[in-house]
């Protein structure tokens, strides 16, 4: 069965989802989100960037899911580790133009895709980087390390500990309340909060874990 990309229909669904989230996102930003979604759909056929094939599901599971974190991104410099095709970094960069996002992934095809998105969506605040996280050595620490479906909390903190100082925060997007992972976090870190996110029409739970160094 052929799945089509109906931009007009998806625009309505996006507007409805943003309304349910309760966010103020401009028409121009919504159009950029749709352009990114269209590119993800198109490139996915050839490059297998995500296992989600249906654009409506992409909108829900990738775009709205990423946007749900927006109120928690407080800072000027963010790194999205294991970003894949730019999730949640690119949707967040579109709606938070004053924040700089480094998008880190080890696969070249994903980085090439993100560079093309930066060009077509005219996003000056995203910086795709091809590297393993432990090999990435920034000149200055980030305000936030964010990850989505990247690794366990213990592994994320181990691999990313050099990316923030004591002022910075780790934001980890998880599904169900990750009690077992929280129990494995060392005393070197402080679990600041675990927030349940309300992603419109998403089946299943979503939680955001915020962590600081002790």
Protein backbone atom coordinates (compact mmCIF):
# COMPACT_ATOMS: atom_id res chain seq x y z
CA UNK A 1 0.00 0.00 0.00
CA UNK A 2 1.36 3.41 -1.00
CA UNK A 3 1.43 6.02 1.76
CA UNK A 4 1.06 9.60 0.55
CA UNK A 5 2.23 12.82 2.15
CA UNK A 6 -0.81 15.13 2.31
CA UNK A 7 0.66 18.43 3.54
CA UNK A 8 -2.70 20.17 3.94
CA UNK A 9 -4.13 17.36 6.05
CA UNK A 10 -0.96 17.12 8.12
CA UNK A 11 -0.99 20.90 8.65
CA UNK A 12 -4.43 20.60 10.27
CA UNK A 13 -3.27 17.71 12.47
CA UNK A 14 -0.16 19.62 13.50
CA UNK A 15 -2.15 22.74 14.41
CA UNK A 16 -4.56 20.62 16.45
CA UNK A 17 -1.71 18.87 18.25
CA UNK A 18 0.01 22.16 19.07
CA UNK A 19 -3.29 23.49 20.39
CA UNK A 20 -3.60 20.45 22.67
CA UNK A 21 -0.05 21.02 23.92
CA UNK A 22 -1.03 24.61 24.69
CA UNK A 23 2.01 26.16 22.99
CA UNK A 24 2.27 29.34 20.94
CA UNK A 25 4.01 28.30 17.72
CA UNK A 26 3.89 30.67 14.76
CA UNK A 27 2.51 29.80 11.32
CA UNK A 28 6.01 30.13 9.84
CA UNK A 29 7.39 27.70 12.42
CA UNK A 30 4.56 25.26 11.72
CA UNK A 31 5.39 25.40 8.00
CA UNK A 32 9.04 24.62 8.78
CA UNK A 33 7.97 21.67 10.93
CA UNK A 34 5.92 20.38 7.98
CA UNK A 35 8.87 20.85 5.59
CA UNK A 36 11.08 18.86 7.98
CA UNK A 37 8.39 16.18 8.25
CA UNK A 38 8.13 16.01 4.46
CA UNK A 39 11.90 15.61 4.13
CA UNK A 40 11.94 12.91 6.80
CA UNK A 41 9.19 11.05 4.95
CA UNK A 42 10.95 11.39 1.57
CA UNK A 43 14.48 10.50 2.71
CA UNK A 44 13.23 7.65 4.87
CA UNK A 45 12.26 5.63 1.79
CA UNK A 46 15.90 5.51 0.67
CA UNK A 47 17.92 5.93 3.85
CA UNK A 48 15.81 4.18 6.52
CA UNK A 49 16.12 7.02 9.04
CA UNK A 50 13.21 5.86 11.23
CA UNK A 51 11.12 2.71 11.58
CA UNK A 52 7.96 4.85 11.47
CA UNK A 53 6.72 4.98 7.85
CA UNK A 54 3.34 6.70 8.02
CA UNK A 55 3.56 10.53 8.01
CA UNK A 56 0.65 10.87 10.47
CA UNK A 57 2.49 8.60 12.91
CA UNK A 58 5.71 10.51 12.27
CA UNK A 59 3.87 13.70 13.17
CA UNK A 60 2.63 12.23 16.43
CA UNK A 61 5.56 10.03 17.49
CA UNK A 62 8.36 12.32 16.33
CA UNK A 63 7.23 15.95 15.92
CA UNK A 64 4.65 16.37 18.72
CA UNK A 65 6.65 14.08 21.01
CA UNK A 66 9.73 16.28 20.51
CA UNK A 67 7.76 19.51 20.98
CA UNK A 68 6.38 18.31 24.33
CA UNK A 69 9.82 18.99 25.87
CA UNK A 70 9.87 22.65 24.80
CA UNK A 71 9.02 24.20 28.23
CA UNK A 72 11.96 22.36 29.83
CA UNK A 73 14.65 23.65 27.45
CA UNK A 74 16.10 26.53 29.44
CA UNK A 75 19.50 27.62 28.22
CA UNK A 76 21.38 28.87 25.18
CA UNK A 77 23.43 25.82 24.17
CA UNK A 78 21.96 22.34 23.84
CA UNK A 79 23.42 19.08 22.57
CA UNK A 80 21.09 16.34 21.34
CA UNK A 81 23.02 13.07 21.67
CA UNK A 82 22.12 10.08 19.52
CA UNK A 83 19.82 12.42 17.62
CA UNK A 84 19.21 10.05 14.69
CA UNK A 85 17.50 12.17 12.00
CA UNK A 86 17.37 15.17 14.38
CA UNK A 87 14.94 14.17 17.13
CA UNK A 88 14.08 15.96 19.32
CA UNK A 89 16.66 18.58 18.31
CA UNK A 90 15.33 19.83 14.97
CA UNK A 91 11.67 20.36 15.99
CA UNK A 92 12.91 22.13 19.14
CA UNK A 93 15.35 24.27 17.13
CA UNK A 94 12.52 25.35 14.81
CA UNK A 95 10.36 26.60 17.71
CA UNK A 96 13.28 27.90 19.84
CA UNK A 97 15.31 29.97 17.33
CA UNK A 98 17.28 31.71 20.12
CA UNK A 99 18.79 28.38 21.27
CA UNK A 100 21.82 26.77 19.57
CA UNK A 101 21.52 23.01 19.02
CA UNK A 102 24.43 20.67 18.32
CA UNK A 103 22.99 17.46 16.83
CA UNK A 104 25.29 14.51 17.43
CA UNK A 105 25.10 11.19 15.62
CA UNK A 106 27.68 8.62 14.54
CA UNK A 107 26.05 7.75 11.18
CA UNK A 108 26.99 9.80 8.12
CA UNK A 109 23.66 9.39 6.33
CA UNK A 110 21.80 10.94 9.26
CA UNK A 111 24.23 13.86 9.47
CA UNK A 112 23.91 14.47 5.70
CA UNK A 113 20.14 14.48 6.07
CA UNK A 114 20.28 17.01 8.93
CA UNK A 115 22.60 19.31 6.94
CA UNK A 116 20.10 19.26 4.09
CA UNK A 117 17.29 20.09 6.56
CA UNK A 118 19.33 23.03 7.86
CA UNK A 119 19.68 24.27 4.28
CA UNK A 120 16.05 23.76 3.14
CA UNK A 121 14.43 24.94 6.38
CA UNK A 122 16.90 27.85 6.72
CA UNK A 123 17.90 26.84 10.25
CA UNK A 124 21.04 28.69 11.33
CA UNK A 125 20.80 27.38 14.92
CA UNK A 126 21.40 23.66 14.25
CA UNK A 127 24.87 22.18 13.89
CA UNK A 128 24.93 18.50 12.83
CA UNK A 129 28.06 16.68 14.04
CA UNK A 130 29.19 13.19 13.08
CA UNK A 131 30.88 11.68 16.12
CA UNK A 132 30.51 9.18 18.91
CA UNK A 133 29.46 11.01 22.05
CA UNK A 134 32.51 9.98 24.09
CA UNK A 135 34.80 11.37 21.35
CA UNK A 136 33.04 14.76 21.15
CA UNK A 137 35.04 17.35 23.10
CA UNK A 138 33.35 20.79 23.06
CA UNK A 139 35.28 23.98 23.77
CA UNK A 140 32.78 24.97 26.45
CA UNK A 141 30.17 23.01 28.38
CA UNK A 142 26.56 22.85 27.26
CA UNK A 143 23.58 24.11 29.26
CA UNK A 144 21.61 20.96 28.42
CA UNK A 145 22.31 17.44 27.19
CA UNK A 146 19.09 15.99 25.78
CA UNK A 147 18.47 12.43 24.60
CA UNK A 148 15.56 10.45 23.23
CA UNK A 149 15.67 6.66 22.93
CA UNK A 150 19.47 6.86 23.28
CA UNK A 151 20.60 4.72 26.22
CA UNK A 152 19.85 3.85 29.82
CA UNK A 153 20.21 6.73 32.29
CA UNK A 154 23.35 5.13 33.73
CA UNK A 155 25.01 4.81 30.30
CA UNK A 156 23.87 8.25 29.17
CA UNK A 157 25.40 9.91 32.23
CA UNK A 158 28.62 7.89 31.87
CA UNK A 159 29.08 8.79 28.19
CA UNK A 160 27.93 12.42 28.49
CA UNK A 161 29.39 13.49 31.84
CA UNK A 162 32.06 15.68 30.17
CA UNK A 163 29.47 17.70 28.24
CA UNK A 164 28.00 19.70 31.14
CA UNK A 165 29.33 21.26 34.33
CA UNK A 166 27.54 21.54 37.69
CA UNK A 167 25.19 24.18 36.29
CA UNK A 168 24.08 22.08 33.33
CA UNK A 169 21.30 19.52 33.12
CA UNK A 170 20.63 16.18 31.49
CA UNK A 171 17.15 15.74 29.98
CA UNK A 172 16.24 12.14 29.11
CA UNK A 173 13.02 11.28 27.29
CA UNK A 174 11.65 7.93 28.44
CA UNK A 175 8.48 5.89 28.03
CA UNK A 176 7.11 4.36 31.22
CA UNK A 177 8.33 5.67 34.58
CA UNK A 178 11.93 4.37 34.54
CA UNK A 179 12.25 3.30 38.18
CA UNK A 180 14.84 0.61 37.54
CA UNK A 181 17.05 3.00 35.57
CA UNK A 182 16.68 5.67 38.26
CA UNK A 183 17.79 3.14 40.90
CA UNK A 184 20.99 2.53 38.91
CA UNK A 185 22.03 6.21 38.81
CA UNK A 186 25.10 6.84 40.98
CA UNK A 187 25.18 9.24 43.94
CA UNK A 188 27.34 11.54 41.82
CA UNK A 189 24.08 12.68 40.20
CA UNK A 190 20.83 14.13 41.52
CA UNK A 191 17.47 13.25 39.95
CA UNK A 192 15.92 16.71 39.94
CA UNK A 193 12.49 15.67 38.60
CA UNK A 194 10.55 13.07 36.65
CA UNK A 195 7.74 14.73 34.71
CA UNK A 196 4.92 12.92 32.93
CA UNK A 197 4.46 14.46 29.48
CA UNK A 198 1.09 14.71 27.74
CA UNK A 199 1.77 14.03 24.06
CA UNK A 200 -1.50 14.47 22.10
CA UNK A 201 -3.12 11.15 21.13
CA UNK A 202 0.02 9.15 21.89
CA UNK A 203 -0.70 5.64 23.13
CA UNK A 204 1.53 4.81 26.09
CA UNK A 205 3.32 6.84 28.73
CA UNK A 206 6.01 9.49 28.27
CA UNK A 207 8.29 10.81 30.99
CA UNK A 208 11.07 13.38 31.08
CA UNK A 209 13.86 12.78 33.60
CA UNK A 210 15.88 15.87 34.60
CA UNK A 211 19.27 15.21 36.21
CA UNK A 212 22.08 17.39 37.60
CA UNK A 213 25.56 16.63 38.87
CA UNK A 214 25.80 16.67 42.67
